C-alpha atoms as a PDB file:
ATOM      1  CA  MET A   1       5.898   4.347  15.103  1.00  0.00           C
ATOM      2  CA  ILE A   2       7.562   6.857  12.756  1.00  0.00           C
ATOM      3  CA  GLU A   3      10.223   9.220  14.053  1.00  0.00           C
ATOM      4  CA  VAL A   4      12.244  11.935  12.274  1.00  0.00           C
ATOM      5  CA  ARG A   5      15.716  12.815  13.511  1.00  0.00           C
ATOM      6  CA  VAL A   6      19.097  14.146  12.408  1.00  0.00           C
ATOM      7  CA  ALA A   7      21.133  11.470  10.644  1.00  0.00           C
ATOM      8  CA  ARG A   8      24.294   9.988  12.137  1.00  0.00           C
ATOM      9  CA  PRO A   9      27.248   8.528  10.165  1.00  0.00           C
ATOM     10  CA  PRO A  10      26.085   4.894  10.618  1.00  0.00           C
ATOM     11  CA  ASP A  11      22.818   5.848   8.825  1.00  0.00           C
ATOM     12  CA  ALA A  12      24.679   6.618   5.572  1.00  0.00           C
ATOM     13  CA  VAL A  13      24.398   3.102   4.096  1.00  0.00           C
ATOM     14  CA  ALA A  14      20.625   2.997   4.632  1.00  0.00           C
ATOM     15  CA  ILE A  15      20.322   6.507   3.156  1.00  0.00           C
ATOM     16  CA  GLY A  16      22.373   5.484   0.106  1.00  0.00           C
ATOM     17  CA  ALA A  17      20.206   2.388  -0.372  1.00  0.00           C
ATOM     18  CA  ILE A  18      17.023   4.491  -0.202  1.00  0.00           C
ATOM     19  CA  HIS A  19      18.430   6.995  -2.702  1.00  0.00           C
ATOM     20  CA  VAL A  20      19.148   4.220  -5.235  1.00  0.00           C
ATOM     21  CA  ALA A  21      15.857   2.356  -4.618  1.00  0.00           C
ATOM     22  CA  VAL A  22      13.713   5.474  -4.960  1.00  0.00           C
ATOM     23  CA  TRP A  23      15.457   6.697  -8.114  1.00  0.00           C
ATOM     24  CA  ARG A  24      15.101   3.273  -9.742  1.00  0.00           C
ATOM     25  CA  SER A  25      11.434   3.115  -8.762  1.00  0.00           C
ATOM     26  CA  ALA A  26      10.391   6.707  -9.507  1.00  0.00           C
ATOM     27  CA  TYR A  27      12.420   7.714 -12.533  1.00  0.00           C
ATOM     28  CA  PRO A  28      12.216   5.006 -15.235  1.00  0.00           C
ATOM     29  CA  GLY A  29      11.122   6.766 -18.393  1.00  0.00           C
ATOM     30  CA  LEU A  30      12.181  10.125 -16.920  1.00  0.00           C
ATOM     31  CA  LEU A  31      15.920   9.449 -16.588  1.00  0.00           C
ATOM     32  CA  PRO A  32      18.136   7.292 -18.824  1.00  0.00           C
ATOM     33  CA  ASP A  33      17.887   3.575 -18.003  1.00  0.00           C
ATOM     34  CA  ALA A  34      21.663   3.132 -18.240  1.00  0.00           C
ATOM     35  CA  TYR A  35      22.180   5.901 -15.686  1.00  0.00           C
ATOM     36  CA  LEU A  36      19.696   4.331 -13.260  1.00  0.00           C
ATOM     37  CA  ALA A  37      21.373   0.928 -13.668  1.00  0.00           C
ATOM     38  CA  ARG A  38      24.784   2.417 -12.753  1.00  0.00           C
ATOM     39  CA  LEU A  39      23.594   3.949  -9.471  1.00  0.00           C
ATOM     40  CA  SER A  40      25.673   2.660  -6.581  1.00  0.00           C
ATOM     41  CA  VAL A  41      24.617   2.318  -2.955  1.00  0.00           C
ATOM     42  CA  THR A  42      28.285   2.447  -1.938  1.00  0.00           C
ATOM     43  CA  ARG A  43      28.932   5.741  -3.768  1.00  0.00           C
ATOM     44  CA  GLN A  44      25.733   7.281  -2.425  1.00  0.00           C
ATOM     45  CA  ALA A  45      26.553   6.130   1.112  1.00  0.00           C
ATOM     46  CA  ARG A  46      30.004   7.766   0.913  1.00  0.00           C
ATOM     47  CA  TYR A  47      28.427  11.004  -0.304  1.00  0.00           C
ATOM     48  CA  TYR A  48      25.834  11.091   2.499  1.00  0.00           C
ATOM     49  CA  GLU A  49      28.335  10.070   5.174  1.00  0.00           C
ATOM     50  CA  ALA A  50      30.518  13.037   4.169  1.00  0.00           C
ATOM     51  CA  ALA A  51      27.470  15.337   4.301  1.00  0.00           C
ATOM     52  CA  ILE A  52      26.539  14.051   7.766  1.00  0.00           C
ATOM     53  CA  ARG A  53      30.091  14.382   9.091  1.00  0.00           C
ATOM     54  CA  GLY A  54      30.282  17.880   7.575  1.00  0.00           C
ATOM     55  CA  GLY A  55      27.273  19.008   9.608  1.00  0.00           C
ATOM     56  CA  GLY A  56      24.896  19.225   6.651  1.00  0.00           C
ATOM     57  CA  GLY A  57      21.164  19.062   7.182  1.00  0.00           C
ATOM     58  CA  VAL A  58      20.597  15.343   6.681  1.00  0.00           C
ATOM     59  CA  LEU A  59      17.383  14.132   8.309  1.00  0.00           C
ATOM     60  CA  ILE A  60      15.984  10.611   8.396  1.00  0.00           C
ATOM     61  CA  ALA A  61      12.625   9.027   9.101  1.00  0.00           C
ATOM     62  CA  THR A  62      12.675   5.706  10.927  1.00  0.00           C
ATOM     63  CA  ALA A  63       9.919   3.220  11.640  1.00  0.00           C
ATOM     64  CA  SER A  64       9.449   0.648  14.341  1.00  0.00           C
ATOM     65  CA  GLY A  65       6.606  -1.375  15.743  1.00  0.00           C
ATOM     66  CA  ASP A  66       3.895  -3.577  14.309  1.00  0.00           C
ATOM     67  CA  GLU A  67       4.477  -2.700  10.663  1.00  0.00           C
ATOM     68  CA  LEU A  68       7.973  -4.194  10.692  1.00  0.00           C
ATOM     69  CA  PRO A  69       8.886  -7.863  10.979  1.00  0.00           C
ATOM     70  CA  SER A  70       9.320  -8.940  14.571  1.00  0.00           C
ATOM     71  CA  GLY A  71      12.797  -8.395  15.986  1.00  0.00           C
ATOM     72  CA  THR A  72      13.964  -5.964  13.285  1.00  0.00           C
ATOM     73  CA  GLY A  73      14.094  -2.854  15.501  1.00  0.00           C
ATOM     74  CA  ARG A  74      14.116   0.553  13.847  1.00  0.00           C
ATOM     75  CA  ARG A  75      14.466   0.884  10.090  1.00  0.00           C
ATOM     76  CA  VAL A  76      15.335   3.965   8.026  1.00  0.00           C
ATOM     77  CA  ILE A  77      12.431   4.516   5.589  1.00  0.00           C
ATOM     78  CA  GLY A  78      13.144   7.964   4.149  1.00  0.00           C
ATOM     79  CA  PHE A  79      15.415  10.984   4.266  1.00  0.00           C
ATOM     80  CA  ALA A  80      15.740  14.628   3.329  1.00  0.00           C
ATOM     81  CA  THR A  81      18.680  16.973   2.968  1.00  0.00           C
ATOM     82  CA  ALA A  82      18.583  20.745   3.307  1.00  0.00           C
ATOM     83  CA  GLY A  83      20.965  23.657   3.448  1.00  0.00           C
ATOM     84  CA  ARG A  84      21.616  27.191   2.298  1.00  0.00           C
ATOM     85  CA  ALA A  85      20.586  27.570  -1.336  1.00  0.00           C
ATOM     86  CA  ARG A  86      23.205  26.513  -3.849  1.00  0.00           C
ATOM     87  CA  ARG A  87      21.696  29.088  -6.226  1.00  0.00           C
ATOM     88  CA  THR A  88      19.255  31.776  -5.049  1.00  0.00           C
ATOM     89  CA  GLN A  89      18.081  33.059  -8.445  1.00  0.00           C
ATOM     90  CA  ILE A  90      17.384  31.697 -11.888  1.00  0.00           C
ATOM     91  CA  SER A  91      16.608  33.818 -14.945  1.00  0.00           C
ATOM     92  CA  GLY A  92      16.277  36.841 -12.678  1.00  0.00           C
ATOM     93  CA  ARG A  93      13.670  35.196 -10.427  1.00  0.00           C
ATOM     94  CA  ARG A  94      14.377  34.883  -6.715  1.00  0.00           C
ATOM     95  CA  LEU A  95      14.022  31.327  -5.466  1.00  0.00           C
ATOM     96  CA  GLY A  96      14.836  31.322  -1.761  1.00  0.00           C
ATOM     97  CA  GLU A  97      17.508  31.394   0.893  1.00  0.00           C
ATOM     98  CA  GLY A  98      17.260  27.728   1.871  1.00  0.00           C
ATOM     99  CA  GLU A  99      17.036  24.670  -0.355  1.00  0.00           C
ATOM    100  CA  ILE A 100      15.547  21.268   0.286  1.00  0.00           C
ATOM    101  CA  GLU A 101      17.937  19.291  -1.873  1.00  0.00           C
ATOM    102  CA  THR A 102      16.449  15.810  -1.523  1.00  0.00           C
ATOM    103  CA  LEU A 103      13.305  14.170  -0.177  1.00  0.00           C
ATOM    104  CA  TYR A 104      12.982  10.417  -0.722  1.00  0.00           C
ATOM    105  CA  VAL A 105      10.666   7.898   0.932  1.00  0.00           C
ATOM    106  CA  LEU A 106      10.599   4.151   0.231  1.00  0.00           C
ATOM    107  CA  ASP A 107       7.571   3.127  -1.836  1.00  0.00           C
ATOM    108  CA  ASP A 108       6.026   0.992   0.939  1.00  0.00           C
ATOM    109  CA  TRP A 109       6.006   4.024   3.267  1.00  0.00           C
ATOM    110  CA  ARG A 110       4.490   6.620   0.953  1.00  0.00           C
ATOM    111  CA  ASP A 111       1.103   8.166   1.779  1.00  0.00           C
ATOM    112  CA  ARG A 112       1.680   7.706   5.523  1.00  0.00           C
ATOM    113  CA  GLY A 113       2.876  11.199   6.436  1.00  0.00           C
ATOM    114  CA  VAL A 114       6.586  10.360   6.197  1.00  0.00           C
ATOM    115  CA  GLY A 115       7.275  12.910   3.434  1.00  0.00           C
ATOM    116  CA  ARG A 116       5.361  15.630   5.285  1.00  0.00           C
ATOM    117  CA  GLY A 117       7.321  14.924   8.454  1.00  0.00           C
ATOM    118  CA  LEU A 118      10.620  15.065   6.602  1.00  0.00           C
ATOM    119  CA  ILE A 119       9.812  18.256   4.688  1.00  0.00           C
ATOM    120  CA  ARG A 120       8.622  19.934   7.909  1.00  0.00           C
ATOM    121  CA  ALA A 121      11.884  18.908   9.642  1.00  0.00           C
ATOM    122  CA  ALA A 122      13.906  20.199   6.677  1.00  0.00           C
ATOM    123  CA  GLY A 123      11.979  23.502   6.784  1.00  0.00           C
ATOM    124  CA  ALA A 124      12.582  23.787  10.533  1.00  0.00           C
ATOM    125  CA  PHE A 125      16.302  23.092  10.000  1.00  0.00           C
ATOM    126  CA  LEU A 126      16.451  25.877   7.400  1.00  0.00           C
ATOM    127  CA  ALA A 127      14.483  28.312   9.572  1.00  0.00           C
ATOM    128  CA  GLN A 128      16.821  27.609  12.497  1.00  0.00           C
ATOM    129  CA  ALA A 129      19.765  28.332  10.172  1.00  0.00           C
ATOM    130  CA  GLY A 130      18.247  31.771   9.483  1.00  0.00           C
ATOM    131  CA  CYS A 131      16.610  31.085   6.114  1.00  0.00           C
ATOM    132  CA  ARG A 132      13.457  33.131   5.630  1.00  0.00           C
ATOM    133  CA  SER A 133      12.350  31.279   2.494  1.00  0.00           C
ATOM    134  CA  ALA A 134      12.835  27.835   0.973  1.00  0.00           C
ATOM    135  CA  PHE A 135      12.578  26.057  -2.336  1.00  0.00           C
ATOM    136  CA  LEU A 136      13.224  22.719  -3.954  1.00  0.00           C
ATOM    137  CA  TRP A 137      13.620  21.373  -7.470  1.00  0.00           C
ATOM    138  CA  VAL A 138      11.463  18.526  -8.759  1.00  0.00           C
ATOM    139  CA  LEU A 139      11.606  16.897 -12.171  1.00  0.00           C
ATOM    140  CA  ARG A 140       8.869  18.579 -14.195  1.00  0.00           C
ATOM    141  CA  ASP A 141       7.398  15.248 -15.315  1.00  0.00           C
ATOM    142  CA  ASN A 142       7.620  13.590 -11.886  1.00  0.00           C
ATOM    143  CA  PRO A 143       4.073  12.438 -11.080  1.00  0.00           C
ATOM    144  CA  SER A 144       4.689  13.198  -7.373  1.00  0.00           C
ATOM    145  CA  ARG A 145       5.189  16.936  -7.946  1.00  0.00           C
ATOM    146  CA  TRP A 146       1.571  17.519  -6.793  1.00  0.00           C
ATOM    147  CA  PHE A 147       2.825  16.797  -3.250  1.00  0.00           C
ATOM    148  CA  TYR A 148       4.754  20.084  -3.138  1.00  0.00           C
ATOM    149  CA  ALA A 149       1.829  22.108  -4.453  1.00  0.00           C
ATOM    150  CA  HIS A 150      -0.417  20.435  -1.849  1.00  0.00           C
ATOM    151  CA  LEU A 151       1.990  21.704   0.833  1.00  0.00           C
ATOM    152  CA  GLY A 152       1.697  25.280  -0.421  1.00  0.00           C
ATOM    153  CA  GLY A 153       4.724  25.379  -2.713  1.00  0.00           C
ATOM    154  CA  THR A 154       4.380  27.767  -5.623  1.00  0.00           C
ATOM    155  CA  PRO A 155       5.927  26.787  -8.966  1.00  0.00           C
ATOM    156  CA  ALA A 156       8.322  29.657  -9.578  1.00  0.00           C
ATOM    157  CA  ALA A 157      10.879  28.695 -12.218  1.00  0.00           C
ATOM    158  CA  GLU A 158      11.940  26.036 -14.666  1.00  0.00           C
ATOM    159  CA  ALA A 159      15.446  24.965 -15.600  1.00  0.00           C
ATOM    160  CA  MET A 160      17.208  22.187 -17.416  1.00  0.00           C
ATOM    161  CA  ILE A 161      19.656  19.810 -15.781  1.00  0.00           C
ATOM    162  CA  HIS A 162      21.668  17.049 -17.408  1.00  0.00           C
ATOM    163  CA  VAL A 163      21.449  13.548 -15.974  1.00  0.00           C
ATOM    164  CA  GLY A 164      23.481  10.850 -17.664  1.00  0.00           C
ATOM    165  CA  GLY A 165      24.005  13.208 -20.606  1.00  0.00           C
ATOM    166  CA  THR A 166      20.259  13.750 -21.103  1.00  0.00           C
ATOM    167  CA  PRO A 167      18.624  17.169 -20.627  1.00  0.00           C
ATOM    168  CA  ILE A 168      15.775  16.988 -18.090  1.00  0.00           C
ATOM    169  CA  ALA A 169      13.325  19.786 -17.252  1.00  0.00           C
ATOM    170  CA  GLN A 170      12.793  20.621 -13.599  1.00  0.00           C
ATOM    171  CA  THR A 171      10.486  22.978 -11.716  1.00  0.00           C
ATOM    172  CA  ALA A 172      11.310  24.986  -8.584  1.00  0.00           C
ATOM    173  CA  PHE A 173       8.629  25.110  -5.875  1.00  0.00           C
ATOM    174  CA  VAL A 174       9.018  28.046  -3.472  1.00  0.00           C
ATOM    175  CA  TRP A 175       7.753  28.752   0.050  1.00  0.00           C
ATOM    176  CA  ASP A 176       8.147  32.440   0.854  1.00  0.00           C
ATOM    177  CA  PRO A 177       8.047  33.077   3.716  1.00  0.00           C
ATOM    178  CA  ILE A 178       9.321  29.764   5.079  1.00  0.00           C
ATOM    179  CA  GLU A 179       6.510  29.778   7.677  1.00  0.00           C
ATOM    180  CA  LYS A 180       4.189  28.890   4.802  1.00  0.00           C
ATOM    181  CA  LEU A 181       5.980  25.535   4.507  1.00  0.00           C
ATOM    182  CA  LEU A 182       6.072  24.933   8.253  1.00  0.00           C
ATOM    183  CA  GLU A 183       2.378  25.733   8.746  1.00  0.00           C
ATOM    184  CA  THR A 184       1.078  23.867   5.690  1.00  0.00           C
ATOM    185  CA  SER A 185       3.114  20.718   6.332  1.00  0.00           C
ATOM    186  CA  ALA A 186       1.927  20.668   9.943  1.00  0.00           C
ATOM    187  CA  ARG A 187      -1.761  21.050   8.924  1.00  0.00           C
ATOM    188  CA  ALA A 188      -1.465  18.388   6.223  1.00  0.00           C
ATOM    189  CA  SER A 189      -0.244  15.790   8.750  1.00  0.00           C
END
């Protein structure tokens, strides 16, 4: 059984491990190999623990039941973070009031509705915080970017970021109004 809930400080290590595992799995060839090799579960865990303790929108998906080895209990299999937009416009284009900053699901749990559940929970968190629109950034060459379009996100802007000293193109997907995200993610489940 898969459940989505607000993260607690003890979840930070599992979140950090997922962050590192997903980046190393999804981004070879997109991000510098040396950068991916230097990723640290400990550093990521400290970052996410501070976000959780600070009241940030950190949500996790957990699994239990027959798909896990007997006696293992619940396991964190994905997470999302959301909050007020760090930047609401780029090149004069309005992006949104709320931002889904991260959405990562372990490879073995993809295509099971975990990402949809997390993005819906992140959208609900933003709506409850008063955000009337939402967006997220995805690496332009990320093969999983179709997921956001499938959930009704509209590509609205492109920008460059630097990761490990390398410029990387990214695309912003926007849901305006935010109800578009909440309704589409619920129907796609």
